[in-house]
Amino acid sequence: MKAVQFAQYGGPEVLQVYDAPDPIPDSTDVLIQVKATTVNHLDLFQRDGSRPVPALPFTPGLEAAGVVLKDSHGFHTGDRVMTTRAIEAKGGGGYASRIAPRAADLVRMPAAVSFEEAVATGLTSSTAWGSLFDLGHLQAGERVLIWAGSSGVGSIAIQFAKYARCWVATTAGSSKKATELRNLGADLVVNHKEQNVGQAIHDAGGVNLVIELVSTTLQSSIDACLNDGRIVLIGNLGGQQATVDTQICRLKRINVIGGGQLRTSKENEERILQLVADKLIHPIIARSMPIEKTAEAHRILDSAEIVGKIVLVHS
């Protein structure tokens, strides 16, 4: 099979297409031909060595959509499937053309959902759903702040929150991105480069729930919260350190919830794909590129100029 790997840490140029041995499934696995995967920030961190990987060479790719190659565990040859745990599969992550994930990690794709749509929905929607509903317990009529609205998680979380009939605020760094996020349904977009986000959200009425994707902005999230607010901490796009006013946090009775490596259930992942099939949720695909252009895709994601996901397509 073909796989995009890096054999040493470094810039995007270390990503190369290699010939690799086909994965050998064991008794719990299903062999699939990968049709599409995505680029995530973790891929960049793994490649540059800031999140070291178990061994080199390494094949990234957190999610994958493809076709079953051999009947196994109730799946049949030709079935269209998606996994948000491709990185744990035999053969490597979704940057490989064949992988053997656990059967328990596969969800079936509705016929109306393309491979590109499935992976653009994939892990970002699983994380967004888990943070909003599984951990954040968002209820209809509540108010929510979603940081980094143009990110993969942010752009789908905005849509989920509106689907749940909530008031949604988000952040952006440009007027172009702000316009795109309003088109997704955001009620308020705050330019984090020009405004104090916590103050702006407070002045707009505050929020019950914050989906915190930046981490260094934790104090602004606390400022944005109403009393008894919840903050689900699921990302650290801005870094791992934050200084907060514990007095304000205490007096407001803020509940800060660590999201860990968050995914929702397999059943919810299938439910989300059906929402996509029904055109109720629209995964945002910023670029669709051949797998051979993975290095370029890493450069584009690192530029922070896009809204949504970069999809990589296997030929």
Protein backbone atom coordinates (compact mmCIF):
# COMPACT_ATOMS: atom_id res chain seq x y z
CA MET A 1 0.00 0.00 0.00
CA LYS A 2 0.92 3.68 -0.17
CA ALA A 3 1.24 5.78 2.97
CA VAL A 4 2.25 9.38 3.66
CA GLN A 5 4.71 9.22 6.55
CA PHE A 6 7.48 11.17 8.24
CA ALA A 7 10.71 9.40 9.16
CA GLN A 8 12.07 12.37 11.12
CA TYR A 9 10.61 15.40 12.86
CA GLY A 10 10.55 18.69 11.02
CA GLY A 11 8.60 20.93 8.67
CA PRO A 12 5.99 19.83 6.10
CA GLU A 13 8.79 18.74 3.76
CA VAL A 14 9.47 15.65 5.92
CA LEU A 15 6.13 14.19 4.76
CA GLN A 16 6.75 11.73 1.95
CA VAL A 17 4.79 9.04 0.10
CA TYR A 18 6.22 5.60 0.91
CA ASP A 19 5.49 2.01 -0.02
CA ALA A 20 4.42 0.25 3.17
CA PRO A 21 3.34 -3.30 3.98
CA ASP A 22 -0.39 -3.97 3.95
CA PRO A 23 -1.86 -4.24 7.45
CA ILE A 24 -2.74 -7.70 8.72
CA PRO A 25 -6.07 -7.64 10.58
CA ASP A 26 -6.44 -9.70 13.72
CA SER A 27 -9.63 -11.27 15.05
CA THR A 28 -11.17 -7.94 16.11
CA ASP A 29 -10.34 -5.88 13.00
CA VAL A 30 -11.86 -4.97 9.64
CA LEU A 31 -9.64 -4.25 6.62
CA ILE A 32 -10.66 -1.13 4.70
CA GLN A 33 -9.50 0.78 1.64
CA VAL A 34 -9.19 4.41 2.72
CA LYS A 35 -10.83 6.92 0.42
CA ALA A 36 -10.46 10.12 2.44
CA THR A 37 -8.91 11.52 5.61
CA THR A 38 -8.28 14.99 7.05
CA VAL A 39 -5.53 17.22 8.38
CA ASN A 40 -5.77 18.10 12.07
CA HIS A 41 -3.62 20.34 14.25
CA LEU A 42 -2.41 17.24 16.12
CA ASP A 43 -0.92 16.00 12.84
CA LEU A 44 1.21 19.16 12.71
CA PHE A 45 2.28 18.79 16.34
CA GLN A 46 3.25 15.15 15.78
CA ARG A 47 5.20 16.00 12.62
CA ASP A 48 7.24 18.81 14.20
CA GLY A 49 8.00 16.77 17.34
CA SER A 50 6.10 18.90 19.85
CA ARG A 51 3.87 15.84 20.43
CA PRO A 52 6.37 12.98 19.98
CA VAL A 53 5.02 9.77 18.42
CA PRO A 54 5.74 6.21 19.63
CA ALA A 55 8.11 5.33 16.77
CA LEU A 56 9.37 6.54 13.40
CA PRO A 57 8.46 6.32 10.57
CA PHE A 58 4.95 7.40 11.52
CA THR A 59 1.70 7.57 9.53
CA PRO A 60 -0.66 10.33 10.79
CA GLY A 61 -4.39 10.67 10.23
CA LEU A 62 -6.94 10.72 13.05
CA GLU A 63 -9.96 9.73 10.98
CA ALA A 64 -10.69 7.83 7.80
CA ALA A 65 -13.58 6.94 5.53
CA GLY A 66 -13.44 4.09 3.06
CA VAL A 67 -14.70 0.77 1.80
CA VAL A 68 -14.58 -2.63 3.52
CA LEU A 69 -12.33 -5.03 1.59
CA LYS A 70 -13.33 -8.33 3.21
CA ASP A 71 -16.39 -9.58 5.10
CA SER A 72 -15.76 -9.33 8.84
CA HIS A 73 -17.72 -8.80 12.08
CA GLY A 74 -21.01 -8.06 10.34
CA PHE A 75 -19.43 -5.73 7.78
CA HIS A 76 -19.50 -6.83 4.14
CA THR A 77 -17.19 -6.22 1.22
CA GLY A 78 -18.07 -2.85 -0.29
CA ASP A 79 -19.68 -1.38 2.84
CA ARG A 80 -18.95 2.33 3.26
CA VAL A 81 -17.58 3.08 6.74
CA MET A 82 -15.94 5.81 8.79
CA THR A 83 -13.76 5.78 11.92
CA THR A 84 -12.62 8.58 14.21
CA ARG A 85 -9.93 6.26 15.61
CA ALA A 86 -7.90 5.67 12.46
CA ILE A 87 -4.69 6.56 14.28
CA GLU A 88 -5.18 3.43 16.43
CA ALA A 89 -5.68 1.10 13.46
CA LYS A 90 -3.17 -1.42 12.19
CA GLY A 91 -1.31 0.01 9.20
CA GLY A 92 -1.22 3.53 10.56
CA GLY A 93 -3.57 6.49 10.45
CA GLY A 94 -5.75 7.78 7.64
CA TYR A 95 -2.75 8.94 5.60
CA ALA A 96 -2.35 5.25 4.67
CA SER A 97 -4.32 3.80 1.76
CA ARG A 98 -5.25 0.67 3.73
CA ILE A 99 -5.84 0.31 7.46
CA ALA A 100 -7.36 -2.30 9.75
CA PRO A 101 -9.32 -0.58 12.53
CA ARG A 102 -11.22 -2.41 15.22
CA ALA A 103 -14.74 -3.32 14.15
CA ALA A 104 -16.00 -1.62 17.31
CA ASP A 105 -14.53 1.68 16.05
CA LEU A 106 -16.35 1.70 12.69
CA VAL A 107 -19.62 3.46 11.91
CA ARG A 108 -21.70 2.92 8.79
CA MET A 109 -22.10 5.81 6.37
CA PRO A 110 -25.50 6.77 4.92
CA ALA A 111 -25.58 6.53 1.13
CA ALA A 112 -26.19 10.27 0.82
CA VAL A 113 -22.91 11.17 2.60
CA SER A 114 -19.70 11.30 0.55
CA PHE A 115 -16.35 10.08 1.87
CA GLU A 116 -15.14 13.69 1.98
CA GLU A 117 -18.20 14.80 3.96
CA ALA A 118 -17.83 11.87 6.35
CA VAL A 119 -14.26 12.69 7.38
CA ALA A 120 -14.94 16.44 7.48
CA THR A 121 -17.71 15.56 9.93
CA GLY A 122 -15.79 12.77 11.70
CA LEU A 123 -13.69 13.59 14.73
CA THR A 124 -14.53 17.30 14.81
CA SER A 125 -18.25 16.61 15.11
CA SER A 126 -17.67 13.80 17.62
CA THR A 127 -15.64 16.21 19.76
CA ALA A 128 -18.14 19.05 19.29
CA TRP A 129 -21.12 16.87 20.22
CA GLY A 130 -19.29 15.42 23.21
CA SER A 131 -18.31 18.85 24.52
CA LEU A 132 -21.69 20.50 23.99
CA PHE A 133 -24.01 17.71 25.10
CA ASP A 134 -22.18 14.82 26.80
CA LEU A 135 -20.04 17.02 29.09
CA GLY A 136 -21.57 20.50 28.68
CA HIS A 137 -25.20 19.35 29.06
CA LEU A 138 -26.38 22.11 26.76
CA GLN A 139 -30.14 22.64 26.86
CA ALA A 140 -32.51 24.37 24.44
CA GLY A 141 -32.71 28.10 25.13
CA GLU A 142 -29.28 28.34 26.76
CA ARG A 143 -26.48 30.65 25.63
CA VAL A 144 -23.10 29.32 24.52
CA LEU A 145 -19.70 30.78 23.55
CA ILE A 146 -17.67 28.67 21.11
CA TRP A 147 -14.09 29.82 20.74
CA ALA A 148 -12.27 29.55 17.39
CA GLY A 149 -15.43 29.30 15.32
CA SER A 150 -13.52 28.86 12.06
CA SER A 151 -11.82 25.68 13.28
CA GLY A 152 -13.19 22.27 12.36
CA VAL A 153 -14.65 21.74 15.84
CA GLY A 154 -15.88 25.32 16.11
CA SER A 155 -17.66 25.42 12.76
CA ILE A 156 -19.61 22.22 13.45
CA ALA A 157 -20.27 23.12 17.12
CA ILE A 158 -21.97 26.35 16.01
CA GLN A 159 -24.35 24.32 13.86
CA PHE A 160 -25.06 21.78 16.62
CA ALA A 161 -25.84 24.54 19.11
CA LYS A 162 -28.22 26.27 16.68
CA TYR A 163 -29.83 22.89 15.92
CA ALA A 164 -30.41 22.60 19.69
CA ARG A 165 -32.15 26.04 19.60
CA CYS A 166 -29.50 27.95 21.54
CA TRP A 167 -28.05 31.46 21.29
CA VAL A 168 -24.49 31.20 19.97
CA ALA A 169 -21.51 33.53 20.19
CA THR A 170 -18.14 32.75 18.67
CA THR A 171 -14.77 34.37 17.93
CA ALA A 172 -12.90 35.17 14.72
CA GLY A 173 -9.76 37.07 13.71
CA SER A 174 -11.02 38.75 10.53
CA SER A 175 -14.16 40.28 9.07
CA LYS A 176 -14.16 37.64 6.30
CA LYS A 177 -14.23 34.82 8.83
CA ALA A 178 -16.87 36.67 10.87
CA THR A 179 -19.16 36.82 7.85
CA GLU A 180 -18.73 33.10 7.18
CA LEU A 181 -19.50 32.26 10.81
CA ARG A 182 -22.66 34.36 10.78
CA ASN A 183 -23.69 32.42 7.70
CA LEU A 184 -23.34 29.24 9.78
CA GLY A 185 -25.81 30.67 12.27
CA ALA A 186 -23.72 32.46 14.90
CA ASP A 187 -25.76 35.19 16.63
CA LEU A 188 -22.68 37.17 17.67
CA VAL A 189 -19.11 37.07 16.34
CA VAL A 190 -16.42 38.84 18.37
CA ASN A 191 -13.12 39.78 16.71
CA HIS A 192 -10.61 38.56 19.28
CA LYS A 193 -7.88 40.75 17.77
CA GLU A 194 -9.85 43.96 18.26
CA GLN A 195 -12.14 43.35 21.24
CA ASN A 196 -12.02 42.03 24.78
CA VAL A 197 -13.98 38.82 24.23
CA GLY A 198 -15.00 38.29 27.85
CA GLN A 199 -16.27 41.86 28.18
CA ALA A 200 -18.06 41.76 24.82
CA ILE A 201 -19.90 38.55 25.69
CA HIS A 202 -20.71 39.82 29.18
CA ASP A 203 -22.15 43.02 27.70
CA ALA A 204 -24.24 40.92 25.29
CA GLY A 205 -25.85 39.06 28.20
CA GLY A 206 -23.31 36.39 29.13
CA VAL A 207 -23.40 32.65 28.47
CA ASN A 208 -24.25 29.47 30.32
CA LEU A 209 -21.64 27.34 28.54
CA VAL A 210 -18.24 27.94 26.96
CA ILE A 211 -16.49 25.54 24.59
CA GLU A 212 -12.88 26.49 25.25
CA LEU A 213 -10.58 25.61 22.35
CA VAL A 214 -7.76 28.09 22.99
CA SER A 215 -6.94 27.59 26.73
CA THR A 216 -4.89 30.77 27.15
CA THR A 217 -8.24 32.59 26.99
CA LEU A 218 -9.64 30.85 30.07
CA GLN A 219 -10.02 34.09 32.04
CA SER A 220 -12.05 35.62 29.21
CA SER A 221 -14.24 32.52 29.27
CA ILE A 222 -14.80 32.97 33.00
CA ASP A 223 -15.65 36.65 32.44
CA ALA A 224 -18.17 35.67 29.73
CA CYS A 225 -20.01 33.21 31.98
CA LEU A 226 -23.17 33.85 33.92
CA ASN A 227 -23.36 32.54 37.48
CA ASP A 228 -23.16 28.73 37.60
CA GLY A 229 -21.66 28.71 34.10
CA ARG A 230 -19.83 25.70 32.66
CA ILE A 231 -16.58 25.74 30.69
CA VAL A 232 -15.56 22.61 28.77
CA LEU A 233 -11.82 22.73 28.13
CA ILE A 234 -11.14 20.69 25.00
CA GLY A 235 -8.28 22.42 23.15
CA ASN A 236 -5.14 24.46 23.65
CA LEU A 237 -4.65 26.12 20.26
CA GLY A 238 -3.10 29.11 22.06
CA GLY A 239 -0.85 27.16 24.41
CA GLN A 240 -1.03 25.23 27.66
CA GLN A 241 -0.69 28.01 30.24
CA ALA A 242 -3.37 30.39 31.52
CA THR A 243 -3.63 32.70 34.53
CA VAL A 244 -7.07 33.15 36.04
CA ASP A 245 -8.72 35.19 38.78
CA THR A 246 -9.80 32.43 41.15
CA GLN A 247 -11.93 34.85 43.17
CA ILE A 248 -14.19 35.60 40.19
CA CYS A 249 -14.32 31.91 39.32
CA ARG A 250 -15.32 31.06 42.90
CA LEU A 251 -17.92 33.76 43.29
CA LYS A 252 -19.57 32.94 39.97
CA ARG A 253 -19.52 29.23 40.87
CA ILE A 254 -17.93 28.40 37.52
CA ASN A 255 -17.51 24.70 36.72
CA VAL A 256 -14.41 24.08 34.55
CA ILE A 257 -14.56 20.62 32.98
CA GLY A 258 -11.51 18.97 31.43
CA GLY A 259 -12.57 17.37 28.16
CA GLY A 260 -9.62 15.02 27.73
CA GLN A 261 -9.39 13.36 24.31
CA LEU A 262 -13.08 13.76 23.74
CA ARG A 263 -15.32 11.73 21.46
CA THR A 264 -19.00 11.00 21.70
CA SER A 265 -20.45 7.51 21.41
CA LYS A 266 -20.50 5.42 18.24
CA GLU A 267 -24.30 5.72 18.25
CA ASN A 268 -24.08 9.51 18.32
CA GLU A 269 -21.49 9.47 15.51
CA GLU A 270 -23.96 7.54 13.38
CA ARG A 271 -26.72 9.98 14.38
CA ILE A 272 -24.53 12.91 13.31
CA LEU A 273 -23.83 11.36 9.90
CA GLN A 274 -27.58 10.98 9.43
CA LEU A 275 -28.01 14.70 10.22
CA VAL A 276 -25.50 15.37 7.42
CA ALA A 277 -27.42 13.05 5.07
CA ASP A 278 -30.62 14.92 5.94
CA LYS A 279 -28.90 18.27 5.17
CA LEU A 280 -29.49 19.52 8.71
CA ILE A 281 -25.74 19.82 9.42
CA HIS A 282 -23.19 20.87 6.83
CA PRO A 283 -19.51 19.94 7.37
CA ILE A 284 -17.30 22.77 6.14
CA ILE A 285 -14.66 21.58 3.68
CA ALA A 286 -12.12 24.36 3.19
CA ARG A 287 -10.00 22.37 0.71
CA SER A 288 -10.09 18.92 -0.86
CA MET A 289 -6.62 17.80 -1.98
CA PRO A 290 -4.94 14.60 -3.21
CA ILE A 291 -3.01 12.73 -0.54
CA GLU A 292 0.20 13.40 -2.48
CA LYS A 293 -0.16 17.09 -1.54
CA THR A 294 -0.20 16.47 2.20
CA ALA A 295 2.82 18.71 2.83
CA GLU A 296 1.03 21.62 1.15
CA ALA A 297 -2.09 20.84 3.18
CA HIS A 298 -0.04 21.10 6.41
CA ARG A 299 1.24 24.52 5.32
CA ILE A 300 -2.29 25.72 4.60
CA LEU A 301 -3.64 24.58 7.98
CA ASP A 302 -0.69 26.18 9.76
CA SER A 303 -1.49 29.52 8.09
CA ALA A 304 -4.78 29.72 10.07
CA GLU A 305 -6.50 31.35 7.08
CA ILE A 306 -9.21 28.78 6.45
CA VAL A 307 -12.66 27.98 7.82
CA GLY A 308 -13.44 24.29 8.27
CA LYS A 309 -11.49 21.16 7.36
CA ILE A 310 -8.83 20.21 4.83
CA VAL A 311 -9.70 16.82 3.31
CA LEU A 312 -7.09 14.52 1.76
CA VAL A 313 -8.31 12.13 -0.93
CA HIS A 314 -6.69 8.78 -1.78
CA SER A 315 -6.77 7.92 -5.49
